[in-house]
Structures are given as structure tokens and as C-alpha cells.
Amino acid sequence: MSLLLEGKKAFITGGTRGIGAAICEVFAREGADVAFSYNSRDDLALEMDRKIEAHGRRAFNAKVSVVDRVGMKKMTRELVEKWGGIDILVNNAAINRGDNFATTTDRAWDEVIHTNVDSLFAVTKPIYKQMIRQRKGIILNITSIGAMRALPTAVHYATSKAAMIGFTKCLSREAATFGVRVNAIAAGIFDTDLAQALPDRLLQMHDFWTSAGRLGRPEELAEYAAFMVSERNSFMNGEVVIVDGGAIT
């Protein structure tokens, strides 16, 4: 059987750590050339380049903020010139803060909403326009189970991830006209730096919520993401799939 993503060209935001790093490596293993953005760690970016290239695929890294609209437009043009197009976009990068709503500061609220919501416009629009021109493409958004269920997660984070669900569903209708599919994964708690920023009480309770009885491993989500953006999943559009280890509702 052929590889899931043979010959595809993918771009992943936040590709040096956690779920984003796992997605980069699994996509490369499944045959895709992989480009990714990152914010600060040049050493991790170079390490990810090597991992991608070890699978015989092309790597491209861009040190650019996901809310930098000009930077994202420039990166998209450069990537299209180098590779001839972008077939897959994964909006993965996000931040969280362990805040109670009553004590959330203006700065914390603005930072989380700006990073997690405004990035959807800054990143997606230039790549989506390129997908429209080529009349094909797949967009996958990594949202959170906290956007769908009344879990004790931060209100600003849950709000931002709920916005991503609305973004997914509405864009999927428009995008289908141009041969572009848009779906999302609502992730539970995975063993990443983002999860470690959560309050200890929440992490301690997690084992009781999930039938799996543990945190998810980033590569477990990445494996499913590879299927979701593949042609073997060609009839799914505008859907949000829950991958959370069987959390109790």
C-alpha cells in the first residue's frame, strides 16, 4: 500500500514541539515534504529539519509569528516558489495559561485570544488563496475538547478553541466550492509543554476522566491527523473529530 501522503506538500504551525513536532515527523514518514513555522528555538528547528530529511523528504522552516500577517504572506510566497504549491495546512500552534476567569488579566486574555484566534486569519488566508488557485487543498485545525465540554480549563483558552470550531465549519462550506476541505481535531490532554502549563489539580484529575487513564502521546494524534488530511479521508468536510482518550462527559 502506498504512503498516506506520498508527494504532498504540507505546512504545520508550531512544528518544533509537542503535537506539531509529532505531526511534522509522521507526515514526512508518510511521504510529504514538510514546512513548519516556529517562534524561538533555532536548535529545535534544525533538529526537525534533520528528522524530516531522514525520511527522504524536503524540509523548510520559517521563524515567523503566527500572528504576523505580512510575515505569513511572505513565507507563503517563498514556499510556493520553492515547492510549487501547498497541499496541506495544519493550524496547530496555540498557547494556554492556567488562569481562573475571575483573576484573568487583560493582558492574559488578549495574549491567548490574539495568538489562538487571530493566527487563524494570518496563517490561513494566504495559504487558502493559493489552494483556491490550484483548486485543491486540505486544512486541518487542532482545537480542544475544552471548547466542547464543561471542563475546568481556562476560559480564554476554551473560548479561543471554540472560535476555531466555528472557523472550521463556516470555512468548510466556502472552501468546498474550490475543492478545498476543512476539518478539525478536538484534542484531549496530551503530554506536551502546553499541558504542563495546566494546573496540577487538573492533570491529577485527568486519569479519572479518561477511560485510557493517561495523557495522550503526541504521536497518537499525529497518526490520526495524517489519515484526516489524506485522500483516503476524501469525503469528510466541516467535521470536528474528538481524540481525547475517552473522556467522561
Foldseek 3Di string as FASTA:
>chain_A
DAFQQAPAEEEEEAQQWFLNVLLLLNNLLSHYAYEYEHADDPPSQVVSQVSSCVSVHHYHYHHDALLPLVSLLVVQVVVCVVRVAHAEYEYEDAAFAQDAPVPDDPVNLCVRLSRLASSCCSNVVNRLVRCLVVLHHEYEYEAACLLVDVAPGHPSRNVSRVNVLVVQQVVLVVSVVSHYAGEYEHEAAAPTPRNVNYDPVRQVCLLVFAPQSHHHYSNVVSVVVSNCRGVVVVPDHSYYHYDYRHGHD
